[in-house]
Amino acid sequence: MRDGEEEQERFVECSERTVLECGCGERLTLLGLKEDWQLEERTDFGCKECGQNLTLVDQLDEDVLSFRSLMRGAFKIPGG
């Protein structure tokens, strides 16, 4: 097997990702289309941190995540 062929076998292209967020703050990233998970009837996932049941309804809003990361450290607390 040539090096180029070996490299191709190590990576799988992902069409989409879904990030689920638990109340404890843990995040679970599902690779693939949300519809594919639903078709396979895989809609329940356990949080690795606290064991809470997560569903596709617990999907993290990427816009909120981007806003949070942009705003992190944007304001300085006096005396902090």
PDB file of N, CA and C in Angstrom:
ATOM      1  N   MET A   1       0.852  -1.185   0.000  1.00  0.00           N
ATOM      2  CA  MET A   1       0.000   0.000   0.000  1.00  0.00           C
ATOM      3  C   MET A   1       0.893   1.243   0.000  1.00  0.00           C
ATOM      4  N   ARG A   2       0.587   2.175  -0.842  1.00  0.00           N
ATOM      5  CA  ARG A   2       1.364   3.408  -0.925  1.00  0.00           C
ATOM      6  C   ARG A   2       0.931   4.376   0.162  1.00  0.00           C
ATOM      7  N   ASP A   3       1.795   5.361   0.469  1.00  0.00           N
ATOM      8  CA  ASP A   3       1.509   6.332   1.523  1.00  0.00           C
ATOM      9  C   ASP A   3       0.227   7.106   1.259  1.00  0.00           C
ATOM     10  N   GLY A   4      -0.017   7.513   0.037  1.00  0.00           N
ATOM     11  CA  GLY A   4      -1.210   8.271  -0.302  1.00  0.00           C
ATOM     12  C   GLY A   4      -2.485   7.474  -0.055  1.00  0.00           C
ATOM     13  N   GLU A   5      -2.454   6.190  -0.391  1.00  0.00           N
ATOM     14  CA  GLU A   5      -3.608   5.330  -0.172  1.00  0.00           C
ATOM     15  C   GLU A   5      -3.847   5.128   1.324  1.00  0.00           C
ATOM     16  N   GLU A   6      -2.765   4.970   2.068  1.00  0.00           N
ATOM     17  CA  GLU A   6      -2.883   4.775   3.511  1.00  0.00           C
ATOM     18  C   GLU A   6      -3.502   6.005   4.173  1.00  0.00           C
ATOM     19  N   GLU A   7      -3.094   7.190   3.740  1.00  0.00           N
ATOM     20  CA  GLU A   7      -3.649   8.434   4.281  1.00  0.00           C
ATOM     21  C   GLU A   7      -5.150   8.514   4.038  1.00  0.00           C
ATOM     22  N   GLN A   8      -5.606   8.143   2.861  1.00  0.00           N
ATOM     23  CA  GLN A   8      -7.021   8.229   2.531  1.00  0.00           C
ATOM     24  C   GLN A   8      -7.856   7.324   3.427  1.00  0.00           C
ATOM     25  N   GLU A   9      -7.318   6.202   3.840  1.00  0.00           N
ATOM     26  CA  GLU A   9      -8.067   5.266   4.660  1.00  0.00           C
ATOM     27  C   GLU A   9      -8.217   5.743   6.097  1.00  0.00           C
ATOM     28  N   ARG A  10      -7.424   6.677   6.527  1.00  0.00           N
ATOM     29  CA  ARG A  10      -7.464   7.155   7.899  1.00  0.00           C
ATOM     30  C   ARG A  10      -8.550   8.206   8.122  1.00  0.00           C
ATOM     31  N   PHE A  11      -9.010   8.838   7.083  1.00  0.00           N
ATOM     32  CA  PHE A  11      -9.943   9.938   7.214  1.00  0.00           C
ATOM     33  C   PHE A  11     -11.250   9.645   6.501  1.00  0.00           C
ATOM     34  N   VAL A  12     -12.337  10.065   7.126  1.00  0.00           N
ATOM     35  CA  VAL A  12     -13.665   9.920   6.539  1.00  0.00           C
ATOM     36  C   VAL A  12     -14.265  11.311   6.468  1.00  0.00           C
ATOM     37  N   GLU A  13     -14.744  11.684   5.292  1.00  0.00           N
ATOM     38  CA  GLU A  13     -15.379  12.987   5.157  1.00  0.00           C
ATOM     39  C   GLU A  13     -16.709  12.984   5.892  1.00  0.00           C
ATOM     40  N   CYS A  14     -16.979  14.051   6.559  1.00  0.00           N
ATOM     41  CA  CYS A  14     -18.219  14.186   7.317  1.00  0.00           C
ATOM     42  C   CYS A  14     -19.089  15.234   6.644  1.00  0.00           C
ATOM     43  N   SER A  15     -20.322  14.856   6.329  1.00  0.00           N
ATOM     44  CA  SER A  15     -21.212  15.775   5.623  1.00  0.00           C
ATOM     45  C   SER A  15     -21.753  16.857   6.550  1.00  0.00           C
ATOM     46  N   GLU A  16     -21.848  16.567   7.831  1.00  0.00           N
ATOM     47  CA  GLU A  16     -22.405  17.514   8.787  1.00  0.00           C
ATOM     48  C   GLU A  16     -22.069  17.028  10.187  1.00  0.00           C
ATOM     49  N   ARG A  17     -22.288  17.877  11.173  1.00  0.00           N
ATOM     50  CA  ARG A  17     -22.132  17.447  12.555  1.00  0.00           C
ATOM     51  C   ARG A  17     -23.224  18.086  13.387  1.00  0.00           C
ATOM     52  N   THR A  18     -23.595  17.393  14.443  1.00  0.00           N
ATOM     53  CA  THR A  18     -24.596  17.878  15.370  1.00  0.00           C
ATOM     54  C   THR A  18     -23.968  17.838  16.756  1.00  0.00           C
ATOM     55  N   VAL A  19     -24.043  18.934  17.469  1.00  0.00           N
ATOM     56  CA  VAL A  19     -23.480  18.989  18.818  1.00  0.00           C
ATOM     57  C   VAL A  19     -24.635  19.035  19.815  1.00  0.00           C
ATOM     58  N   LEU A  20     -24.645  18.052  20.729  1.00  0.00           N
ATOM     59  CA  LEU A  20     -25.646  18.011  21.788  1.00  0.00           C
ATOM     60  C   LEU A  20     -25.008  18.554  23.053  1.00  0.00           C
ATOM     61  N   GLU A  21     -25.749  19.367  23.803  1.00  0.00           N
ATOM     62  CA  GLU A  21     -25.210  19.929  25.041  1.00  0.00           C
ATOM     63  C   GLU A  21     -26.059  19.465  26.216  1.00  0.00           C
ATOM     64  N   CYS A  22     -25.388  18.930  27.230  1.00  0.00           N
ATOM     65  CA  CYS A  22     -26.041  18.457  28.441  1.00  0.00           C
ATOM     66  C   CYS A  22     -26.133  19.604  29.447  1.00  0.00           C
ATOM     67  N   GLY A  23     -27.042  19.489  30.389  1.00  0.00           N
ATOM     68  CA  GLY A  23     -27.187  20.486  31.436  1.00  0.00           C
ATOM     69  C   GLY A  23     -25.936  20.625  32.302  1.00  0.00           C
ATOM     70  N   CYS A  24     -25.113  19.574  32.363  1.00  0.00           N
ATOM     71  CA  CYS A  24     -23.880  19.628  33.160  1.00  0.00           C
ATOM     72  C   CYS A  24     -22.760  20.363  32.437  1.00  0.00           C
ATOM     73  N   GLY A  25     -22.993  20.719  31.158  1.00  0.00           N
ATOM     74  CA  GLY A  25     -21.982  21.442  30.384  1.00  0.00           C
ATOM     75  C   GLY A  25     -21.216  20.565  29.403  1.00  0.00           C
ATOM     76  N   GLU A  26     -21.342  19.259  29.523  1.00  0.00           N
ATOM     77  CA  GLU A  26     -20.665  18.334  28.609  1.00  0.00           C
ATOM     78  C   GLU A  26     -21.288  18.427  27.232  1.00  0.00           C
ATOM     79  N   ARG A  27     -20.483  18.231  26.194  1.00  0.00           N
ATOM     80  CA  ARG A  27     -20.967  18.267  24.812  1.00  0.00           C
ATOM     81  C   ARG A  27     -20.637  16.953  24.125  1.00  0.00           C
ATOM     82  N   LEU A  28     -21.555  16.518  23.268  1.00  0.00           N
ATOM     83  CA  LEU A  28     -21.385  15.301  22.492  1.00  0.00           C
ATOM     84  C   LEU A  28     -21.530  15.666  21.025  1.00  0.00           C
ATOM     85  N   THR A  29     -20.543  15.322  20.218  1.00  0.00           N
ATOM     86  CA  THR A  29     -20.580  15.631  18.793  1.00  0.00           C
ATOM     87  C   THR A  29     -20.941  14.385  18.008  1.00  0.00           C
ATOM     88  N   LEU A  30     -22.016  14.471  17.235  1.00  0.00           N
ATOM     89  CA  LEU A  30     -22.456  13.392  16.362  1.00  0.00           C
ATOM     90  C   LEU A  30     -22.046  13.739  14.942  1.00  0.00           C
ATOM     91  N   LEU A  31     -21.368  12.829  14.275  1.00  0.00           N
ATOM     92  CA  LEU A  31     -20.955  13.065  12.898  1.00  0.00           C
ATOM     93  C   LEU A  31     -22.010  12.529  11.951  1.00  0.00           C
ATOM     94  N   GLY A  32     -22.289  13.270  10.910  1.00  0.00           N
ATOM     95  CA  GLY A  32     -23.287  12.871   9.929  1.00  0.00           C
ATOM     96  C   GLY A  32     -24.517  13.762  10.002  1.00  0.00           C
ATOM     97  N   LEU A  33     -25.433  13.494   9.119  1.00  0.00           N
ATOM     98  CA  LEU A  33     -26.658  14.280   9.047  1.00  0.00           C
ATOM     99  C   LEU A  33     -27.615  13.902  10.171  1.00  0.00           C
ATOM    100  N   LYS A  34     -28.316  14.889  10.694  1.00  0.00           N
ATOM    101  CA  LYS A  34     -29.319  14.660  11.732  1.00  0.00           C
ATOM    102  C   LYS A  34     -30.376  13.667  11.233  1.00  0.00           C
ATOM    103  N   GLU A  35     -30.751  13.793   9.972  1.00  0.00           N
ATOM    104  CA  GLU A  35     -31.757  12.919   9.375  1.00  0.00           C
ATOM    105  C   GLU A  35     -31.297  11.461   9.365  1.00  0.00           C
ATOM    106  N   ASP A  36     -29.991  11.236   9.169  1.00  0.00           N
ATOM    107  CA  ASP A  36     -29.461   9.869   9.173  1.00  0.00           C
ATOM    108  C   ASP A  36     -29.603   9.230  10.549  1.00  0.00           C
ATOM    109  N   TRP A  37     -29.337   9.996  11.592  1.00  0.00           N
ATOM    110  CA  TRP A  37     -29.495   9.485  12.953  1.00  0.00           C
ATOM    111  C   TRP A  37     -30.960   9.147  13.206  1.00  0.00           C
ATOM    112  N   GLN A  38     -31.866   9.985  12.722  1.00  0.00           N
ATOM    113  CA  GLN A  38     -33.299   9.730  12.903  1.00  0.00           C
ATOM    114  C   GLN A  38     -33.744   8.496  12.130  1.00  0.00           C
ATOM    115  N   LEU A  39     -33.241   8.326  10.890  1.00  0.00           N
ATOM    116  CA  LEU A  39     -33.598   7.151  10.094  1.00  0.00           C
ATOM    117  C   LEU A  39     -33.131   5.860  10.754  1.00  0.00           C
ATOM    118  N   GLU A  40     -31.991   5.905  11.403  1.00  0.00           N
ATOM    119  CA  GLU A  40     -31.460   4.727  12.100  1.00  0.00           C
ATOM    120  C   GLU A  40     -32.105   4.542  13.471  1.00  0.00           C
ATOM    121  N   GLU A  41     -33.040   5.448  13.805  1.00  0.00           N
ATOM    122  CA  GLU A  41     -33.733   5.435  15.091  1.00  0.00           C
ATOM    123  C   GLU A  41     -32.753   5.531  16.259  1.00  0.00           C
ATOM    124  N   ARG A  42     -31.664   6.270  16.047  1.00  0.00           N
ATOM    125  CA  ARG A  42     -30.699   6.566  17.105  1.00  0.00           C
ATOM    126  C   ARG A  42     -30.925   8.012  17.508  1.00  0.00           C
ATOM    127  N   THR A  43     -31.819   8.216  18.448  1.00  0.00           N
ATOM    128  CA  THR A  43     -32.140   9.585  18.859  1.00  0.00           C
ATOM    129  C   THR A  43     -31.851   9.828  20.334  1.00  0.00           C
ATOM    130  N   ASP A  44     -31.441   8.787  21.069  1.00  0.00           N
ATOM    131  CA  ASP A  44     -31.110   8.923  22.488  1.00  0.00           C
ATOM    132  C   ASP A  44     -29.636   8.610  22.699  1.00  0.00           C
ATOM    133  N   PHE A  45     -28.965   9.483  23.442  1.00  0.00           N
ATOM    134  CA  PHE A  45     -27.540   9.324  23.707  1.00  0.00           C
ATOM    135  C   PHE A  45     -27.284   9.643  25.178  1.00  0.00           C
ATOM    136  N   GLY A  46     -26.364   8.941  25.788  1.00  0.00           N
ATOM    137  CA  GLY A  46     -26.048   9.188  27.194  1.00  0.00           C
ATOM    138  C   GLY A  46     -24.875  10.135  27.336  1.00  0.00           C
ATOM    139  N   CYS A  47     -25.001  11.069  28.281  1.00  0.00           N
ATOM    140  CA  CYS A  47     -23.902  11.978  28.588  1.00  0.00           C
ATOM    141  C   CYS A  47     -22.806  11.179  29.282  1.00  0.00           C
ATOM    142  N   LYS A  48     -21.580  11.301  28.809  1.00  0.00           N
ATOM    143  CA  LYS A  48     -20.463  10.558  29.391  1.00  0.00           C
ATOM    144  C   LYS A  48     -20.070  11.104  30.759  1.00  0.00           C
ATOM    145  N   GLU A  49     -20.427  12.341  31.027  1.00  0.00           N
ATOM    146  CA  GLU A  49     -20.048  12.968  32.288  1.00  0.00           C
ATOM    147  C   GLU A  49     -21.015  12.619  33.423  1.00  0.00           C
ATOM    148  N   CYS A  50     -22.324  12.827  33.192  1.00  0.00           N
ATOM    149  CA  CYS A  50     -23.301  12.642  34.282  1.00  0.00           C
ATOM    150  C   CYS A  50     -24.310  11.531  34.018  1.00  0.00           C
ATOM    151  N   GLY A  51     -24.352  10.988  32.800  1.00  0.00           N
ATOM    152  CA  GLY A  51     -25.258   9.899  32.489  1.00  0.00           C
ATOM    153  C   GLY A  51     -26.655  10.326  32.053  1.00  0.00           C
ATOM    154  N   GLN A  52     -26.913  11.629  32.032  1.00  0.00           N
ATOM    155  CA  GLN A  52     -28.237  12.119  31.616  1.00  0.00           C
ATOM    156  C   GLN A  52     -28.511  11.710  30.175  1.00  0.00           C
ATOM    157  N   ASN A  53     -29.785  11.449  29.870  1.00  0.00           N
ATOM    158  CA  ASN A  53     -30.203  11.086  28.521  1.00  0.00           C
ATOM    159  C   ASN A  53     -30.298  12.342  27.659  1.00  0.00           C
ATOM    160  N   LEU A  54     -29.597  12.348  26.539  1.00  0.00           N
ATOM    161  CA  LEU A  54     -29.640  13.464  25.588  1.00  0.00           C
ATOM    162  C   LEU A  54     -30.342  13.000  24.328  1.00  0.00           C
ATOM    163  N   THR A  55     -31.086  13.907  23.706  1.00  0.00           N
ATOM    164  CA  THR A  55     -31.745  13.608  22.438  1.00  0.00           C
ATOM    165  C   THR A  55     -31.351  14.675  21.426  1.00  0.00           C
ATOM    166  N   LEU A  56     -31.813  14.508  20.209  1.00  0.00           N
ATOM    167  CA  LEU A  56     -31.503  15.490  19.173  1.00  0.00           C
ATOM    168  C   LEU A  56     -32.120  16.849  19.479  1.00  0.00           C
ATOM    169  N   VAL A  57     -33.084  16.899  20.385  1.00  0.00           N
ATOM    170  CA  VAL A  57     -33.683  18.164  20.813  1.00  0.00           C
ATOM    171  C   VAL A  57     -32.658  19.000  21.589  1.00  0.00           C
ATOM    172  N   ASP A  58     -31.673  18.330  22.192  1.00  0.00           N
ATOM    173  CA  ASP A  58     -30.647  19.010  22.984  1.00  0.00           C
ATOM    174  C   ASP A  58     -29.531  19.592  22.116  1.00  0.00           C
ATOM    175  N   GLN A  59     -29.807  19.756  20.830  1.00  0.00           N
ATOM    176  CA  GLN A  59     -28.803  20.263  19.897  1.00  0.00           C
ATOM    177  C   GLN A  59     -28.377  21.671  20.280  1.00  0.00           C
ATOM    178  N   LEU A  60     -27.081  21.874  20.318  1.00  0.00           N
ATOM    179  CA  LEU A  60     -26.508  23.180  20.633  1.00  0.00           C
ATOM    180  C   LEU A  60     -26.641  24.087  19.427  1.00  0.00           C
ATOM    181  N   ASP A  61     -27.114  25.290  19.651  1.00  0.00           N
ATOM    182  CA  ASP A  61     -27.242  26.278  18.591  1.00  0.00           C
ATOM    183  C   ASP A  61     -25.849  26.837  18.293  1.00  0.00           C
ATOM    184  N   GLU A  62     -25.332  26.575  17.098  1.00  0.00           N
ATOM    185  CA  GLU A  62     -23.982  27.002  16.722  1.00  0.00           C
ATOM    186  C   GLU A  62     -23.822  28.519  16.770  1.00  0.00           C
ATOM    187  N   ASP A  63     -24.902  29.274  16.490  1.00  0.00           N
ATOM    188  CA  ASP A  63     -24.824  30.732  16.556  1.00  0.00           C
ATOM    189  C   ASP A  63     -24.586  31.192  17.988  1.00  0.00           C
ATOM    190  N   VAL A  64     -25.245  30.537  18.945  1.00  0.00           N
ATOM    191  CA  VAL A  64     -25.052  30.876  20.358  1.00  0.00           C
ATOM    192  C   VAL A  64     -23.627  30.543  20.769  1.00  0.00           C
ATOM    193  N   LEU A  65     -23.127  29.403  20.335  1.00  0.00           N
ATOM    194  CA  LEU A  65     -21.764  28.997  20.658  1.00  0.00           C
ATOM    195  C   LEU A  65     -20.751  29.994  20.102  1.00  0.00           C
ATOM    196  N   SER A  66     -20.946  30.440  18.871  1.00  0.00           N
ATOM    197  CA  SER A  66     -20.040  31.418  18.265  1.00  0.00           C
ATOM    198  C   SER A  66     -20.083  32.735  19.037  1.00  0.00           C
ATOM    199  N   PHE A  67     -21.272  33.162  19.430  1.00  0.00           N
ATOM    200  CA  PHE A  67     -21.421  34.403  20.188  1.00  0.00           C
ATOM    201  C   PHE A  67     -20.710  34.297  21.534  1.00  0.00           C
ATOM    202  N   ARG A  68     -20.895  33.166  22.220  1.00  0.00           N
ATOM    203  CA  ARG A  68     -20.242  32.969  23.516  1.00  0.00           C
ATOM    204  C   ARG A  68     -18.724  33.049  23.387  1.00  0.00           C
ATOM    205  N   SER A  69     -18.172  32.386  22.366  1.00  0.00           N
ATOM    206  CA  SER A  69     -16.716  32.389  22.212  1.00  0.00           C
ATOM    207  C   SER A  69     -16.201  33.776  21.837  1.00  0.00           C
ATOM    208  N   LEU A  70     -16.979  34.544  21.074  1.00  0.00           N
ATOM    209  CA  LEU A  70     -16.579  35.905  20.721  1.00  0.00           C
ATOM    210  C   LEU A  70     -16.598  36.828  21.947  1.00  0.00           C
ATOM    211  N   MET A  71     -17.602  36.625  22.798  1.00  0.00           N
ATOM    212  CA  MET A  71     -17.784  37.501  23.949  1.00  0.00           C
ATOM    213  C   MET A  71     -16.907  37.122  25.146  1.00  0.00           C
ATOM    214  N   ARG A  72     -16.378  35.899  25.149  1.00  0.00           N
ATOM    215  CA  ARG A  72     -15.546  35.462  26.265  1.00  0.00           C
ATOM    216  C   ARG A  72     -14.348  36.407  26.406  1.00  0.00           C
ATOM    217  N   GLY A  73     -14.251  37.034  27.535  1.00  0.00           N
ATOM    218  CA  GLY A  73     -13.137  37.941  27.807  1.00  0.00           C
ATOM    219  C   GLY A  73     -13.326  39.323  27.226  1.00  0.00           C
ATOM    220  N   ALA A  74     -14.495  39.617  26.644  1.00  0.00           N
ATOM    221  CA  ALA A  74     -14.721  40.922  26.026  1.00  0.00           C
ATOM    222  C   ALA A  74     -14.901  42.021  27.074  1.00  0.00           C
ATOM    223  N   PHE A  75     -15.374  41.646  28.239  1.00  0.00           N
ATOM    224  CA  PHE A  75     -15.620  42.637  29.295  1.00  0.00           C
ATOM    225  C   PHE A  75     -14.733  42.339  30.483  1.00  0.00           C
ATOM    226  N   LYS A  76     -14.173  43.385  31.055  1.00  0.00           N
ATOM    227  CA  LYS A  76     -13.346  43.240  32.240  1.00  0.00           C
ATOM    228  C   LYS A  76     -14.155  43.661  33.464  1.00  0.00           C
ATOM    229  N   ILE A  77     -14.124  42.831  34.475  1.00  0.00           N
ATOM    230  CA  ILE A  77     -14.839  43.114  35.706  1.00  0.00           C
ATOM    231  C   ILE A  77     -13.924  43.945  36.604  1.00  0.00           C
ATOM    232  N   PRO A  78     -14.411  45.103  37.055  1.00  0.00           N
ATOM    233  CA  PRO A  78     -13.575  45.942  37.931  1.00  0.00           C
ATOM    234  C   PRO A  78     -13.170  45.189  39.204  1.00  0.00           C
ATOM    235  N   GLY A  79     -11.903  45.250  39.523  1.00  0.00           N
ATOM    236  CA  GLY A  79     -11.377  44.569  40.701  1.00  0.00           C
ATOM    237  C   GLY A  79     -11.240  43.081  40.524  1.00  0.00           C
ATOM    238  N   GLY A  80     -11.450  42.571  39.272  1.00  0.00           N
ATOM    239  CA  GLY A  80     -11.412  41.124  39.052  1.00  0.00           C
ATOM    240  C   GLY A  80     -10.173  40.617  38.450  1.00  0.00           C
TER     241      GLY A  80
END
